[in-house]
Every structure is written in structure tokens, then in C-alpha cells.
Amino acid sequence: MVVDILAGSLATLVTAPLLVWFIIYGSMKKLTHKKKKSFHFASDITTFFLIASVLSIAHTIWNHSLLWPIMVLLLLIFSCITWLYWKQDKDIELIKIIKTAWRFNFLLFFMCYLLLCAYGLITRIISV
């Protein structure tokens, strides 16, 4: 019973990562009264759900797992941002690089989520 509720809740959160963002943002804004900090925190947490959602939607559409390509993409993004920091003669601060890469991944996977949702809907409508 409890496992079913947890599994259903997790499935809902992966299916609707924007819901996760709104819940976390609203909660943090009430707790901290800081919009910018709440926005960043909600975005950081939601990135996990966006990645899981993109994996799930891609698997549903094409019946292929994109886990390894996404892992390689994440590593490539991290490497590129590290290289950019190094080229700008900035100190390579690991925390800054991780935050920058993670927030870039939020934007990237948010766009992928929207595109895959639109693509999935259009292909289902056309096939009917």
C-alpha cells in the first residue's frame, strides 16, 4: 500500500516536472521570502525530474533507452563549461562549474521536455 503510493507519487512527479518546480518554488518562497533563491533551488531540484522525464518520454516514443547518450551529454557539458572557465583565466572552482553546468542542464532538459511532449502529442494525433 505505502509502496504503491510512493511509486505513484514518483511517477507523477517524473511525468509532470513542472508541477515539481511549482511546488518547490512556492514552498521555498513561503519559507525564505527570497524569490531568486527559491527560483534557483526549485530549478536545481527539478533538473533531476526533467532528466528522468526526458528519458521516460524518449523511451515511450522510440522504445529505446537514452541513458548512456544523456550521461555522455552531461559529461560533455561539464567538460565544456570547465574548459570555458579555464579559457577565461578564471580560477577553476568546482562548485561554480557544477552549478553552472547543472543550471544549463535545467534549461536544456526543459527545452527537450517541451519538444518531446509536443512531438509525442503530434505523432499520436497523426497516427489516430
C-alpha atoms as a PDB file:
ATOM      1  CA  MET A   1       0.000   0.000   0.000  1.00  0.00           C
ATOM      2  CA  VAL A   2       2.660   2.544   1.032  1.00  0.00           C
ATOM      3  CA  VAL A   3       4.978   1.378  -1.736  1.00  0.00           C
ATOM      4  CA  ASP A   4       2.198   1.817  -4.289  1.00  0.00           C
ATOM      5  CA  ILE A   5       1.512   5.342  -3.075  1.00  0.00           C
ATOM      6  CA  LEU A   6       5.204   6.252  -3.225  1.00  0.00           C
ATOM      7  CA  ALA A   7       5.597   4.699  -6.672  1.00  0.00           C
ATOM      8  CA  GLY A   8       2.534   6.534  -7.957  1.00  0.00           C
ATOM      9  CA  SER A   9       3.722   9.827  -6.500  1.00  0.00           C
ATOM     10  CA  LEU A  10       7.185   9.423  -8.020  1.00  0.00           C
ATOM     11  CA  ALA A  11       5.679   8.506 -11.393  1.00  0.00           C
ATOM     12  CA  THR A  12       3.515  11.635 -11.274  1.00  0.00           C
ATOM     13  CA  LEU A  13       6.497  13.832 -10.427  1.00  0.00           C
ATOM     14  CA  VAL A  14       8.570  12.362 -13.260  1.00  0.00           C
ATOM     15  CA  THR A  15       5.654  12.751 -15.662  1.00  0.00           C
ATOM     16  CA  ALA A  16       4.991  16.358 -14.643  1.00  0.00           C
ATOM     17  CA  PRO A  17       8.298  18.001 -13.648  1.00  0.00           C
ATOM     18  CA  LEU A  18       6.761  21.474 -13.950  1.00  0.00           C
ATOM     19  CA  LEU A  19       4.475  20.534 -11.082  1.00  0.00           C
ATOM     20  CA  VAL A  20       7.595  19.722  -9.043  1.00  0.00           C
ATOM     21  CA  TRP A  21       9.061  23.131  -9.876  1.00  0.00           C
ATOM     22  CA  PHE A  22       5.916  24.995  -8.820  1.00  0.00           C
ATOM     23  CA  ILE A  23       5.581  23.029  -5.574  1.00  0.00           C
ATOM     24  CA  ILE A  24       9.228  23.550  -4.592  1.00  0.00           C
ATOM     25  CA  TYR A  25       9.281  27.201  -5.661  1.00  0.00           C
ATOM     26  CA  GLY A  26       6.091  28.004  -3.764  1.00  0.00           C
ATOM     27  CA  SER A  27       7.261  26.185  -0.652  1.00  0.00           C
ATOM     28  CA  MET A  28      10.701  27.798  -0.639  1.00  0.00           C
ATOM     29  CA  LYS A  29       9.276  31.245  -1.329  1.00  0.00           C
ATOM     30  CA  LYS A  30       6.995  30.924   1.700  1.00  0.00           C
ATOM     31  CA  LEU A  31       9.855  29.668   3.864  1.00  0.00           C
ATOM     32  CA  THR A  32      12.621  32.051   2.789  1.00  0.00           C
ATOM     33  CA  HIS A  33      10.727  35.025   1.285  1.00  0.00           C
ATOM     34  CA  LYS A  34      13.507  35.183  -1.332  1.00  0.00           C
ATOM     35  CA  LYS A  35      12.358  34.848  -4.937  1.00  0.00           C
ATOM     36  CA  LYS A  36      15.773  34.396  -6.556  1.00  0.00           C
ATOM     37  CA  LYS A  37      16.996  31.793  -4.072  1.00  0.00           C
ATOM     38  CA  SER A  38      13.685  29.936  -4.313  1.00  0.00           C
ATOM     39  CA  PHE A  39      13.835  30.009  -8.119  1.00  0.00           C
ATOM     40  CA  HIS A  40      17.368  28.584  -8.192  1.00  0.00           C
ATOM     41  CA  PHE A  41      16.621  25.910  -5.607  1.00  0.00           C
ATOM     42  CA  ALA A  42      13.456  24.798  -7.417  1.00  0.00           C
ATOM     43  CA  SER A  43      15.337  24.696 -10.723  1.00  0.00           C
ATOM     44  CA  ASP A  44      18.182  22.670  -9.211  1.00  0.00           C
ATOM     45  CA  ILE A  45      15.852  20.034  -7.767  1.00  0.00           C
ATOM     46  CA  THR A  46      13.611  19.912 -10.842  1.00  0.00           C
ATOM     47  CA  THR A  47      16.583  19.134 -13.099  1.00  0.00           C
ATOM     48  CA  PHE A  48      16.611  15.561 -11.752  1.00  0.00           C
ATOM     49  CA  PHE A  49      12.943  15.169 -12.636  1.00  0.00           C
ATOM     50  CA  LEU A  50      13.417  16.745 -16.079  1.00  0.00           C
ATOM     51  CA  ILE A  51      16.214  14.310 -16.935  1.00  0.00           C
ATOM     52  CA  ALA A  52      14.098  11.358 -15.755  1.00  0.00           C
ATOM     53  CA  SER A  53      11.118  12.690 -17.684  1.00  0.00           C
ATOM     54  CA  VAL A  54      13.099  13.109 -20.916  1.00  0.00           C
ATOM     55  CA  LEU A  55      14.408   9.554 -20.518  1.00  0.00           C
ATOM     56  CA  SER A  56      10.875   8.261 -19.940  1.00  0.00           C
ATOM     57  CA  ILE A  57       9.261  10.171 -22.814  1.00  0.00           C
ATOM     58  CA  ALA A  58      12.029   9.221 -25.253  1.00  0.00           C
ATOM     59  CA  HIS A  59      11.676   5.578 -24.265  1.00  0.00           C
ATOM     60  CA  THR A  60       7.902   5.785 -24.759  1.00  0.00           C
ATOM     61  CA  ILE A  61       8.216   7.422 -28.188  1.00  0.00           C
ATOM     62  CA  TRP A  62      11.107   5.431 -29.676  1.00  0.00           C
ATOM     63  CA  ASN A  63      11.266   2.374 -27.382  1.00  0.00           C
ATOM     64  CA  HIS A  64      14.999   2.970 -26.848  1.00  0.00           C
ATOM     65  CA  SER A  65      16.838   3.966 -23.711  1.00  0.00           C
ATOM     66  CA  LEU A  66      18.812   7.190 -23.981  1.00  0.00           C
ATOM     67  CA  LEU A  67      20.540   6.739 -20.627  1.00  0.00           C
ATOM     68  CA  TRP A  68      24.084   6.437 -21.978  1.00  0.00           C
ATOM     69  CA  PRO A  69      23.780   9.257 -24.531  1.00  0.00           C
ATOM     70  CA  ILE A  70      22.396  11.530 -21.819  1.00  0.00           C
ATOM     71  CA  MET A  71      25.178  10.576 -19.420  1.00  0.00           C
ATOM     72  CA  VAL A  72      27.748  11.344 -22.118  1.00  0.00           C
ATOM     73  CA  LEU A  73      25.979  14.648 -22.839  1.00  0.00           C
ATOM     74  CA  LEU A  74      26.087  15.611 -19.152  1.00  0.00           C
ATOM     75  CA  LEU A  75      29.803  14.838 -19.021  1.00  0.00           C
ATOM     76  CA  LEU A  76      30.412  16.777 -22.235  1.00  0.00           C
ATOM     77  CA  ILE A  77      28.561  19.827 -20.900  1.00  0.00           C
ATOM     78  CA  PHE A  78      30.540  19.698 -17.663  1.00  0.00           C
ATOM     79  CA  SER A  79      33.794  19.419 -19.636  1.00  0.00           C
ATOM     80  CA  CYS A  80      32.905  22.327 -21.938  1.00  0.00           C
ATOM     81  CA  ILE A  81      31.987  24.606 -19.052  1.00  0.00           C
ATOM     82  CA  THR A  82      35.226  23.690 -17.266  1.00  0.00           C
ATOM     83  CA  TRP A  83      37.152  24.490 -20.445  1.00  0.00           C
ATOM     84  CA  LEU A  84      35.348  27.839 -20.815  1.00  0.00           C
ATOM     85  CA  TYR A  85      36.182  28.810 -17.229  1.00  0.00           C
ATOM     86  CA  TRP A  86      39.806  27.823 -17.838  1.00  0.00           C
ATOM     87  CA  LYS A  87      39.986  29.806 -21.113  1.00  0.00           C
ATOM     88  CA  GLN A  88      38.649  32.936 -19.398  1.00  0.00           C
ATOM     89  CA  ASP A  89      41.588  32.704 -16.976  1.00  0.00           C
ATOM     90  CA  LYS A  90      39.212  32.306 -14.103  1.00  0.00           C
ATOM     91  CA  ASP A  91      40.014  30.152 -11.164  1.00  0.00           C
ATOM     92  CA  ILE A  92      38.529  26.746 -11.675  1.00  0.00           C
ATOM     93  CA  GLU A  93      36.150  26.494  -8.740  1.00  0.00           C
ATOM     94  CA  LEU A  94      34.447  23.132  -8.840  1.00  0.00           C
ATOM     95  CA  ILE A  95      31.281  24.332  -7.072  1.00  0.00           C
ATOM     96  CA  LYS A  96      30.786  27.181  -9.574  1.00  0.00           C
ATOM     97  CA  ILE A  97      31.340  24.852 -12.515  1.00  0.00           C
ATOM     98  CA  ILE A  98      28.892  22.286 -11.157  1.00  0.00           C
ATOM     99  CA  LYS A  99      26.229  24.963 -10.518  1.00  0.00           C
ATOM    100  CA  THR A 100      26.698  26.464 -13.978  1.00  0.00           C
ATOM    101  CA  ALA A 101      26.543  23.072 -15.688  1.00  0.00           C
ATOM    102  CA  TRP A 102      23.536  21.968 -13.634  1.00  0.00           C
ATOM    103  CA  ARG A 103      21.584  25.141 -14.403  1.00  0.00           C
ATOM    104  CA  PHE A 104      22.475  24.849 -18.086  1.00  0.00           C
ATOM    105  CA  ASN A 105      21.163  21.277 -17.932  1.00  0.00           C
ATOM    106  CA  PHE A 106      17.914  22.591 -16.446  1.00  0.00           C
ATOM    107  CA  LEU A 107      17.428  24.832 -19.483  1.00  0.00           C
ATOM    108  CA  LEU A 108      18.483  22.126 -21.941  1.00  0.00           C
ATOM    109  CA  PHE A 109      16.293  19.392 -20.491  1.00  0.00           C
ATOM    110  CA  PHE A 110      13.356  21.771 -20.039  1.00  0.00           C
ATOM    111  CA  MET A 111      13.509  22.507 -23.775  1.00  0.00           C
ATOM    112  CA  CYS A 112      13.918  18.797 -24.564  1.00  0.00           C
ATOM    113  CA  TYR A 113      10.936  18.004 -22.331  1.00  0.00           C
ATOM    114  CA  LEU A 114       8.735  20.532 -24.136  1.00  0.00           C
ATOM    115  CA  LEU A 115       9.899  19.379 -27.587  1.00  0.00           C
ATOM    116  CA  LEU A 116       9.410  15.693 -26.789  1.00  0.00           C
ATOM    117  CA  CYS A 117       5.948  16.335 -25.333  1.00  0.00           C
ATOM    118  CA  ALA A 118       4.959  18.268 -28.463  1.00  0.00           C
ATOM    119  CA  TYR A 119       6.490  15.629 -30.753  1.00  0.00           C
ATOM    120  CA  GLY A 120       4.766  12.799 -28.870  1.00  0.00           C
ATOM    121  CA  LEU A 121       1.398  14.532 -28.979  1.00  0.00           C
ATOM    122  CA  ILE A 122       1.678  15.344 -32.676  1.00  0.00           C
ATOM    123  CA  THR A 123       2.747  11.821 -33.648  1.00  0.00           C
ATOM    124  CA  ARG A 124      -0.098  10.300 -31.585  1.00  0.00           C
ATOM    125  CA  ILE A 125      -2.658  12.645 -33.161  1.00  0.00           C
ATOM    126  CA  ILE A 126      -1.394  11.886 -36.671  1.00  0.00           C
ATOM    127  CA  SER A 127      -1.390   8.122 -36.049  1.00  0.00           C
ATOM    128  CA  VAL A 128      -5.020   8.197 -34.895  1.00  0.00           C
END
